[in-house]
Protein backbone atom coordinates (compact mmCIF):
# COMPACT_ATOMS: atom_id res chain seq x y z
CA MET A 1 0.00 0.00 0.00
CA ARG A 2 1.16 3.50 -0.69
CA HIS A 3 -0.78 5.50 1.86
CA ARG A 4 0.51 9.05 2.36
CA VAL A 5 3.21 8.66 -0.30
CA ALA A 6 3.22 11.84 -2.37
CA GLY A 7 4.58 12.38 -5.87
CA ARG A 8 5.01 10.28 -8.96
CA ARG A 9 7.96 8.03 -9.67
CA LEU A 10 7.65 8.26 -13.47
CA GLY A 11 9.62 5.02 -13.93
CA ARG A 12 12.93 6.61 -12.94
CA SER A 13 15.40 6.41 -10.11
CA THR A 14 15.40 9.25 -7.60
CA SER A 15 18.55 10.89 -8.96
CA HIS A 16 17.32 10.67 -12.56
CA ARG A 17 13.92 12.06 -11.57
CA MET A 18 15.40 15.00 -9.67
CA ALA A 19 17.77 15.80 -12.55
CA MET A 20 14.80 15.76 -14.93
CA TYR A 21 12.81 18.08 -12.64
CA ARG A 22 15.75 20.50 -12.42
CA ASN A 23 16.08 20.54 -16.22
CA LEU A 24 12.35 21.08 -16.73
CA VAL A 25 12.21 23.94 -14.22
CA THR A 26 15.29 25.55 -15.80
CA ASP A 27 13.75 25.31 -19.27
CA LEU A 28 10.42 26.66 -18.03
CA LEU A 29 12.14 29.72 -16.59
CA ARG A 30 14.33 30.13 -19.68
CA TYR A 31 11.59 29.84 -22.33
CA GLU A 32 8.56 30.66 -20.11
CA LYS A 33 6.68 27.82 -21.81
CA ILE A 34 7.39 24.08 -22.22
CA VAL A 35 5.52 21.10 -23.68
CA THR A 36 5.78 17.85 -21.74
CA THR A 37 3.57 15.04 -20.50
CA GLU A 38 0.73 15.86 -18.12
CA ALA A 39 2.26 13.90 -15.24
CA LYS A 40 5.61 15.67 -15.55
CA ALA A 41 3.91 19.06 -15.84
CA LYS A 42 1.89 18.44 -12.68
CA GLU A 43 5.00 17.42 -10.76
CA VAL A 44 7.14 20.32 -12.00
CA ARG A 45 4.49 22.99 -11.35
CA GLY A 46 5.01 23.04 -7.57
CA LEU A 47 8.79 23.09 -7.85
CA ALA A 48 8.69 25.98 -10.33
CA GLU A 49 6.37 27.99 -8.10
CA LYS A 50 8.72 27.55 -5.14
CA ILE A 51 11.67 28.76 -7.22
CA ILE A 52 9.69 31.82 -8.38
CA SER A 53 8.83 32.55 -4.74
CA LEU A 54 12.56 32.47 -3.99
CA GLY A 55 13.01 35.02 -6.77
CA LYS A 56 10.44 37.26 -5.11
CA ASP A 57 12.41 37.18 -1.84
CA GLY A 58 15.36 38.66 -3.71
CA ASN A 59 17.99 38.26 -0.99
CA LEU A 60 21.33 36.50 -1.25
CA HIS A 61 20.19 33.37 0.56
CA ALA A 62 17.25 32.96 -1.84
CA ARG A 63 19.54 33.44 -4.83
CA ARG A 64 21.91 30.75 -3.56
CA ARG A 65 19.01 28.35 -2.95
CA ALA A 66 17.79 28.98 -6.50
CA LEU A 67 21.31 28.40 -7.87
CA ALA A 68 21.40 25.08 -6.02
CA PHE A 69 18.34 23.88 -7.97
CA VAL A 70 18.37 25.70 -11.33
CA THR A 71 21.18 24.51 -13.59
CA ASP A 72 22.05 27.81 -15.32
CA LYS A 73 23.29 31.05 -13.73
CA LYS A 74 21.83 33.17 -16.53
CA VAL A 75 18.39 31.71 -15.88
CA VAL A 76 18.69 32.57 -12.18
CA SER A 77 19.60 36.15 -12.99
CA LYS A 78 16.63 36.30 -15.39
CA LEU A 79 14.43 34.92 -12.60
CA PHE A 80 15.51 37.58 -10.10
CA ASP A 81 15.66 40.51 -12.57
CA GLU A 82 12.73 39.91 -14.94
CA ILE A 83 10.36 37.14 -13.85
CA ALA A 84 10.01 37.74 -10.10
CA PRO A 85 9.19 41.48 -10.35
CA LYS A 86 6.24 40.62 -12.64
CA TYR A 87 4.71 38.57 -9.80
CA ALA A 88 5.42 41.02 -6.95
CA GLU A 89 1.71 41.56 -6.24
CA ARG A 90 0.69 37.94 -6.86
CA HIS A 91 0.45 35.35 -4.08
CA GLY A 92 1.09 32.06 -5.86
CA GLY A 93 -0.42 30.65 -9.03
CA TYR A 94 2.47 31.64 -11.28
CA THR A 95 2.04 28.74 -13.71
CA ARG A 96 -0.73 27.33 -15.89
CA ILE A 97 -1.18 23.85 -17.37
CA ILE A 98 -3.00 23.59 -20.70
CA LYS A 99 -3.87 20.09 -21.91
CA LEU A 100 -2.89 19.26 -25.49
CA GLU A 101 -3.49 16.38 -27.90
CA ARG A 102 -2.05 12.99 -27.10
CA ARG A 103 1.46 12.23 -28.35
CA VAL A 104 1.53 10.38 -31.68
CA GLY A 105 4.13 7.75 -30.81
CA ASP A 106 2.69 6.29 -27.61
CA GLY A 107 -0.53 8.18 -26.95
CA ALA A 108 0.78 9.86 -23.81
CA PRO A 109 -1.35 12.80 -22.63
CA MET A 110 0.59 15.98 -23.32
CA ALA A 111 0.36 19.38 -21.66
CA GLN A 112 1.85 22.84 -22.01
CA LEU A 113 3.23 24.35 -18.82
CA GLU A 114 3.59 28.13 -19.01
CA LEU A 115 4.11 31.14 -16.80
CA VAL A 116 1.02 33.26 -16.24
CA GLU A 117 1.22 36.80 -17.60
């Protein structure tokens, strides 16, 4: 039984899964929109919102915590300089998931994860 076990495993080891999450969050912040499977989008949404909240804090400790998760320094500077100020008056809900057609190869449900304007 898996009572009170949160999150999806997505058929990967823990290290592979965390590396994938870090890459997806980095790409979401870089391009402000990504297309992935629904399950991955739902898992990444919470992580991305926490990173954006760090950007809103704006202090050195928050920047170092963001650098520990996001894989690109330029993306972190974009987060703190451009993305976070847009959400200064917003309390959460920085991302949106839009369901798309199923993937042709295997029929996986696809979704677009994007930052809210």
